[in-house]
Amino acid sequence: MVLQLRRNGRGPSAPTGGRNTRDRGGRTLTQMVMTAAEAARDRPAVVGPDYAVSFGELKARAQGAAVAMSSESGVDDSALTVALMTAVPGLAVAGPKGLADTLSGIRIQAMMVLAEFELV
């Protein structure tokens, strides 16, 4: 499964499904996750019936994925996606809608953390 999180030739991140992937401050979801992990490492980023993935764990997995993928730009949307696929049970088979729903939920959680710590 390939998911395009970047706009062709228009910068590091792009809308998916017609939605903007940047917050009001111009940060990508990946940047929001990294900042939320610094502010609230143990706060859940993704919660399911039998699992919870904290922002700290998601950041660590994304950093590991970036290293494994030899990403010159560090942690980017691709590394975050790989991290999610390895951290969230069943996400890889949930299809594009499952991934989109998960990304949307993470965005909401990250925005709440950033607002709470006034990092918006």
N, C-alpha and C. Protein backbone atom coordinates (compact mmCIF):
# COMPACT_ATOMS: atom_id res chain seq x y z
N MET A 1 0.85 -1.17 0.00
CA MET A 1 0.00 0.00 0.00
C MET A 1 0.89 1.22 0.00
N VAL A 2 0.61 2.15 -0.88
CA VAL A 2 1.37 3.39 -0.95
C VAL A 2 0.42 4.52 -0.62
N LEU A 3 0.87 5.39 0.26
CA LEU A 3 0.06 6.55 0.64
C LEU A 3 0.86 7.80 0.33
N GLN A 4 0.27 8.67 -0.43
CA GLN A 4 0.96 9.91 -0.74
C GLN A 4 0.57 10.96 0.28
N LEU A 5 1.54 11.37 1.11
CA LEU A 5 1.32 12.40 2.10
C LEU A 5 1.93 13.73 1.67
N ARG A 6 2.56 13.73 0.52
CA ARG A 6 3.23 14.92 0.05
C ARG A 6 2.62 15.42 -1.25
N ARG A 7 2.64 16.69 -1.41
CA ARG A 7 2.17 17.32 -2.63
C ARG A 7 3.30 17.26 -3.64
N ASN A 8 3.04 16.85 -4.86
CA ASN A 8 4.08 16.76 -5.88
C ASN A 8 4.67 18.13 -6.16
N GLY A 9 5.95 18.28 -5.80
CA GLY A 9 6.67 19.49 -6.11
C GLY A 9 6.23 20.72 -5.34
N ARG A 10 5.52 20.57 -4.25
CA ARG A 10 5.02 21.73 -3.53
C ARG A 10 5.37 21.71 -2.05
N GLY A 11 6.53 21.27 -1.71
CA GLY A 11 6.93 21.32 -0.31
C GLY A 11 6.84 19.98 0.38
N PRO A 12 7.14 19.97 1.68
CA PRO A 12 7.29 18.72 2.39
C PRO A 12 6.02 17.98 2.74
N SER A 13 4.88 18.62 2.74
CA SER A 13 3.67 17.91 3.12
C SER A 13 2.50 18.47 2.35
N ALA A 14 1.50 17.63 2.14
CA ALA A 14 0.39 18.04 1.30
C ALA A 14 -0.92 17.52 1.83
N PRO A 15 -2.01 18.05 1.31
CA PRO A 15 -3.31 17.55 1.72
C PRO A 15 -3.51 16.10 1.32
N THR A 16 -4.19 15.36 2.16
CA THR A 16 -4.58 14.00 1.82
C THR A 16 -6.10 14.00 1.79
N GLY A 17 -6.65 13.52 0.73
CA GLY A 17 -8.10 13.49 0.63
C GLY A 17 -8.71 14.89 0.66
N GLY A 18 -7.97 15.88 0.17
CA GLY A 18 -8.50 17.23 0.12
C GLY A 18 -8.37 18.00 1.42
N ARG A 19 -7.78 17.38 2.45
CA ARG A 19 -7.63 18.06 3.73
C ARG A 19 -6.21 18.57 3.88
N ASN A 20 -6.06 19.69 4.59
CA ASN A 20 -4.75 20.27 4.82
C ASN A 20 -4.03 19.47 5.89
N THR A 21 -2.76 19.11 5.66
CA THR A 21 -2.01 18.34 6.63
C THR A 21 -1.16 19.25 7.52
N ARG A 22 -1.29 20.53 7.39
CA ARG A 22 -0.55 21.46 8.24
C ARG A 22 -1.50 22.13 9.22
N ASP A 23 -0.96 22.48 10.40
CA ASP A 23 -1.78 23.20 11.36
C ASP A 23 -1.69 24.70 11.07
N ARG A 24 -2.34 25.49 11.89
CA ARG A 24 -2.34 26.94 11.66
C ARG A 24 -0.95 27.54 11.70
N GLY A 25 -0.05 26.93 12.45
CA GLY A 25 1.32 27.41 12.54
C GLY A 25 2.20 26.94 11.39
N GLY A 26 1.62 26.20 10.45
CA GLY A 26 2.38 25.73 9.30
C GLY A 26 3.13 24.43 9.54
N ARG A 27 2.86 23.76 10.67
CA ARG A 27 3.55 22.52 10.99
C ARG A 27 2.84 21.33 10.35
N THR A 28 3.63 20.36 9.91
CA THR A 28 3.07 19.12 9.39
C THR A 28 2.63 18.26 10.57
N LEU A 29 1.88 17.23 10.29
CA LEU A 29 1.47 16.30 11.34
C LEU A 29 2.70 15.69 12.01
N THR A 30 3.69 15.35 11.24
CA THR A 30 4.91 14.78 11.81
C THR A 30 5.57 15.75 12.78
N GLN A 31 5.66 17.01 12.40
CA GLN A 31 6.23 18.02 13.30
C GLN A 31 5.39 18.18 14.55
N MET A 32 4.07 18.11 14.41
CA MET A 32 3.19 18.21 15.57
C MET A 32 3.41 17.02 16.51
N VAL A 33 3.56 15.83 15.96
CA VAL A 33 3.79 14.63 16.77
C VAL A 33 5.12 14.76 17.52
N MET A 34 6.15 15.21 16.84
CA MET A 34 7.46 15.36 17.48
C MET A 34 7.41 16.38 18.62
N THR A 35 6.71 17.48 18.41
CA THR A 35 6.57 18.50 19.44
C THR A 35 5.73 18.00 20.60
N ALA A 36 4.64 17.31 20.30
CA ALA A 36 3.78 16.75 21.35
C ALA A 36 4.56 15.73 22.18
N ALA A 37 5.44 14.97 21.54
CA ALA A 37 6.25 13.98 22.26
C ALA A 37 7.20 14.66 23.24
N GLU A 38 7.70 15.81 22.87
CA GLU A 38 8.59 16.56 23.77
C GLU A 38 7.81 17.11 24.97
N ALA A 39 6.58 17.54 24.73
CA ALA A 39 5.77 18.15 25.78
C ALA A 39 5.08 17.13 26.68
N ALA A 40 4.64 16.03 26.08
CA ALA A 40 3.84 15.05 26.84
C ALA A 40 4.15 13.64 26.35
N ARG A 41 5.33 13.18 26.63
CA ARG A 41 5.84 11.91 26.14
C ARG A 41 4.90 10.73 26.38
N ASP A 42 4.29 10.67 27.56
CA ASP A 42 3.46 9.52 27.92
C ASP A 42 2.00 9.65 27.52
N ARG A 43 1.63 10.76 26.95
CA ARG A 43 0.24 10.98 26.54
C ARG A 43 -0.09 10.11 25.33
N PRO A 44 -1.26 9.48 25.29
CA PRO A 44 -1.59 8.61 24.16
C PRO A 44 -1.81 9.39 22.87
N ALA A 45 -1.19 8.91 21.81
CA ALA A 45 -1.38 9.48 20.48
C ALA A 45 -2.45 8.68 19.74
N VAL A 46 -2.44 7.36 19.95
CA VAL A 46 -3.39 6.45 19.31
C VAL A 46 -3.85 5.46 20.37
N VAL A 47 -5.16 5.29 20.45
CA VAL A 47 -5.73 4.34 21.42
C VAL A 47 -6.71 3.44 20.69
N GLY A 48 -6.59 2.15 20.96
CA GLY A 48 -7.52 1.19 20.39
C GLY A 48 -8.04 0.29 21.48
N PRO A 49 -8.83 -0.70 21.10
CA PRO A 49 -9.43 -1.58 22.10
C PRO A 49 -8.41 -2.34 22.95
N ASP A 50 -7.31 -2.75 22.35
CA ASP A 50 -6.32 -3.55 23.07
C ASP A 50 -4.92 -2.94 23.07
N TYR A 51 -4.81 -1.65 22.77
CA TYR A 51 -3.48 -1.03 22.70
C TYR A 51 -3.58 0.48 22.91
N ALA A 52 -2.45 1.05 23.25
CA ALA A 52 -2.30 2.51 23.31
C ALA A 52 -0.86 2.80 22.92
N VAL A 53 -0.67 3.78 22.07
CA VAL A 53 0.66 4.18 21.63
C VAL A 53 0.85 5.63 22.06
N SER A 54 1.85 5.86 22.89
CA SER A 54 2.11 7.21 23.39
C SER A 54 2.85 8.04 22.33
N PHE A 55 2.83 9.34 22.52
CA PHE A 55 3.58 10.21 21.62
C PHE A 55 5.07 9.88 21.68
N GLY A 56 5.57 9.56 22.88
CA GLY A 56 6.98 9.22 23.03
C GLY A 56 7.35 7.96 22.25
N GLU A 57 6.49 6.95 22.35
CA GLU A 57 6.75 5.71 21.61
C GLU A 57 6.66 5.95 20.11
N LEU A 58 5.67 6.72 19.68
CA LEU A 58 5.52 7.01 18.26
C LEU A 58 6.73 7.77 17.73
N LYS A 59 7.22 8.73 18.51
CA LYS A 59 8.40 9.49 18.10
C LYS A 59 9.60 8.55 17.98
N ALA A 60 9.82 7.69 18.98
CA ALA A 60 10.96 6.77 18.95
C ALA A 60 10.87 5.83 17.74
N ARG A 61 9.69 5.31 17.48
CA ARG A 61 9.52 4.42 16.33
C ARG A 61 9.75 5.16 15.01
N ALA A 62 9.27 6.40 14.93
CA ALA A 62 9.47 7.19 13.71
C ALA A 62 10.95 7.51 13.50
N GLN A 63 11.66 7.81 14.58
CA GLN A 63 13.09 8.05 14.47
C GLN A 63 13.82 6.79 14.01
N GLY A 64 13.42 5.64 14.55
CA GLY A 64 14.01 4.38 14.13
C GLY A 64 13.73 4.08 12.67
N ALA A 65 12.51 4.36 12.25
CA ALA A 65 12.15 4.15 10.84
C ALA A 65 12.96 5.06 9.93
N ALA A 66 13.15 6.30 10.34
CA ALA A 66 13.92 7.25 9.54
C ALA A 66 15.36 6.76 9.37
N VAL A 67 15.93 6.23 10.44
CA VAL A 67 17.30 5.70 10.38
C VAL A 67 17.32 4.48 9.45
N ALA A 68 16.37 3.58 9.61
CA ALA A 68 16.33 2.36 8.79
C ALA A 68 16.13 2.68 7.32
N MET A 69 15.40 3.76 7.04
CA MET A 69 15.15 4.15 5.65
C MET A 69 16.24 5.08 5.12
N SER A 70 17.25 5.34 5.93
CA SER A 70 18.34 6.25 5.56
C SER A 70 17.81 7.59 5.08
N SER A 71 16.83 8.10 5.81
CA SER A 71 16.21 9.36 5.45
C SER A 71 17.15 10.51 5.74
N GLU A 72 17.51 11.24 4.70
CA GLU A 72 18.40 12.39 4.86
C GLU A 72 17.70 13.55 5.55
N SER A 73 16.40 13.61 5.45
CA SER A 73 15.66 14.73 6.04
C SER A 73 15.22 14.43 7.47
N GLY A 74 15.64 13.31 8.02
CA GLY A 74 15.23 12.95 9.38
C GLY A 74 13.83 12.37 9.37
N VAL A 75 13.11 12.58 10.46
CA VAL A 75 11.76 12.03 10.58
C VAL A 75 10.82 12.84 9.68
N ASP A 76 10.20 12.16 8.75
CA ASP A 76 9.25 12.81 7.84
C ASP A 76 7.96 12.00 7.83
N ASP A 77 7.04 12.35 6.96
CA ASP A 77 5.75 11.67 6.89
C ASP A 77 5.89 10.18 6.61
N SER A 78 6.87 9.81 5.78
CA SER A 78 7.07 8.39 5.47
C SER A 78 7.49 7.62 6.71
N ALA A 79 8.40 8.19 7.48
CA ALA A 79 8.86 7.53 8.71
C ALA A 79 7.72 7.41 9.71
N LEU A 80 6.89 8.45 9.80
CA LEU A 80 5.74 8.40 10.70
C LEU A 80 4.77 7.31 10.28
N THR A 81 4.54 7.18 8.98
CA THR A 81 3.64 6.14 8.48
C THR A 81 4.18 4.75 8.79
N VAL A 82 5.47 4.54 8.58
CA VAL A 82 6.08 3.24 8.90
C VAL A 82 5.94 2.96 10.40
N ALA A 83 6.20 3.98 11.21
CA ALA A 83 6.07 3.82 12.66
C ALA A 83 4.66 3.41 13.04
N LEU A 84 3.68 4.04 12.43
CA LEU A 84 2.28 3.70 12.72
C LEU A 84 1.96 2.28 12.31
N MET A 85 2.44 1.88 11.15
CA MET A 85 2.16 0.53 10.65
C MET A 85 2.73 -0.54 11.57
N THR A 86 3.84 -0.23 12.24
CA THR A 86 4.43 -1.21 13.15
C THR A 86 3.87 -1.11 14.57
N ALA A 87 3.28 0.02 14.92
CA ALA A 87 2.81 0.24 16.29
C ALA A 87 1.33 -0.07 16.49
N VAL A 88 0.55 0.11 15.45
CA VAL A 88 -0.91 -0.03 15.58
C VAL A 88 -1.35 -1.36 14.97
N PRO A 89 -1.81 -2.27 15.81
CA PRO A 89 -2.25 -3.58 15.30
C PRO A 89 -3.37 -3.45 14.26
N GLY A 90 -3.19 -4.13 13.13
CA GLY A 90 -4.21 -4.16 12.09
C GLY A 90 -4.25 -2.96 11.18
N LEU A 91 -3.43 -1.95 11.43
CA LEU A 91 -3.48 -0.74 10.59
C LEU A 91 -3.05 -1.02 9.16
N ALA A 92 -2.07 -1.87 8.99
CA ALA A 92 -1.58 -2.17 7.64
C ALA A 92 -2.65 -2.80 6.76
N VAL A 93 -3.60 -3.51 7.36
CA VAL A 93 -4.65 -4.14 6.56
C VAL A 93 -5.96 -3.34 6.61
N ALA A 94 -5.96 -2.24 7.33
CA ALA A 94 -7.17 -1.43 7.46
C ALA A 94 -7.45 -0.58 6.23
N GLY A 95 -6.48 -0.49 5.34
CA GLY A 95 -6.66 0.25 4.10
C GLY A 95 -6.52 1.75 4.29
N PRO A 96 -6.69 2.49 3.21
CA PRO A 96 -6.52 3.94 3.24
C PRO A 96 -7.43 4.64 4.25
N LYS A 97 -8.66 4.18 4.37
CA LYS A 97 -9.58 4.82 5.31
C LYS A 97 -9.12 4.61 6.75
N GLY A 98 -8.64 3.42 7.06
CA GLY A 98 -8.13 3.15 8.40
C GLY A 98 -6.95 4.05 8.72
N LEU A 99 -6.05 4.21 7.76
CA LEU A 99 -4.90 5.09 7.97
C LEU A 99 -5.34 6.54 8.11
N ALA A 100 -6.25 6.98 7.24
CA ALA A 100 -6.74 8.36 7.31
C ALA A 100 -7.41 8.64 8.64
N ASP A 101 -8.21 7.70 9.12
CA ASP A 101 -8.87 7.87 10.42
C ASP A 101 -7.85 7.94 11.55
N THR A 102 -6.82 7.10 11.47
CA THR A 102 -5.78 7.10 12.49
C THR A 102 -5.01 8.42 12.48
N LEU A 103 -4.64 8.90 11.30
CA LEU A 103 -3.93 10.17 11.19
C LEU A 103 -4.78 11.32 11.72
N SER A 104 -6.07 11.29 11.43
CA SER A 104 -6.97 12.32 11.92
C SER A 104 -7.04 12.30 13.45
N GLY A 105 -7.12 11.12 14.03
CA GLY A 105 -7.15 11.00 15.48
C GLY A 105 -5.86 11.49 16.12
N ILE A 106 -4.73 11.19 15.50
CA ILE A 106 -3.44 11.65 16.02
C ILE A 106 -3.36 13.17 15.96
N ARG A 107 -3.85 13.74 14.86
CA ARG A 107 -3.85 15.20 14.72
C ARG A 107 -4.64 15.84 15.86
N ILE A 108 -5.79 15.29 16.16
CA ILE A 108 -6.62 15.83 17.25
C ILE A 108 -5.89 15.73 18.58
N GLN A 109 -5.31 14.57 18.86
CA GLN A 109 -4.59 14.39 20.11
C GLN A 109 -3.39 15.34 20.21
N ALA A 110 -2.66 15.48 19.11
CA ALA A 110 -1.49 16.37 19.10
C ALA A 110 -1.92 17.82 19.30
N MET A 111 -3.00 18.22 18.65
CA MET A 111 -3.49 19.60 18.81
C MET A 111 -3.90 19.86 20.25
N MET A 112 -4.48 18.87 20.90
CA MET A 112 -4.88 19.04 22.31
C MET A 112 -3.64 19.20 23.19
N VAL A 113 -2.62 18.40 22.95
CA VAL A 113 -1.39 18.52 23.73
C VAL A 113 -0.74 19.89 23.48
N LEU A 114 -0.63 20.27 22.23
CA LEU A 114 0.00 21.54 21.90
C LEU A 114 -0.77 22.71 22.50
N ALA A 115 -2.09 22.64 22.47
CA ALA A 115 -2.90 23.71 23.07
C ALA A 115 -2.71 23.75 24.58
N GLU A 116 -2.68 22.57 25.19
CA GLU A 116 -2.53 22.51 26.65
C GLU A 116 -1.20 23.10 27.09
N PHE A 117 -0.15 22.84 26.34
CA PHE A 117 1.17 23.35 26.68
C PHE A 117 1.48 24.67 25.97
N GLU A 118 0.46 25.24 25.34
CA GLU A 118 0.56 26.53 24.64
C GLU A 118 1.69 26.53 23.61
N LEU A 119 1.77 25.44 22.86
CA LEU A 119 2.77 25.30 21.80
C LEU A 119 2.14 25.45 20.43
N VAL A 120 0.93 25.98 20.40
CA VAL A 120 0.19 26.11 19.15
C VAL A 120 0.75 27.25 18.34
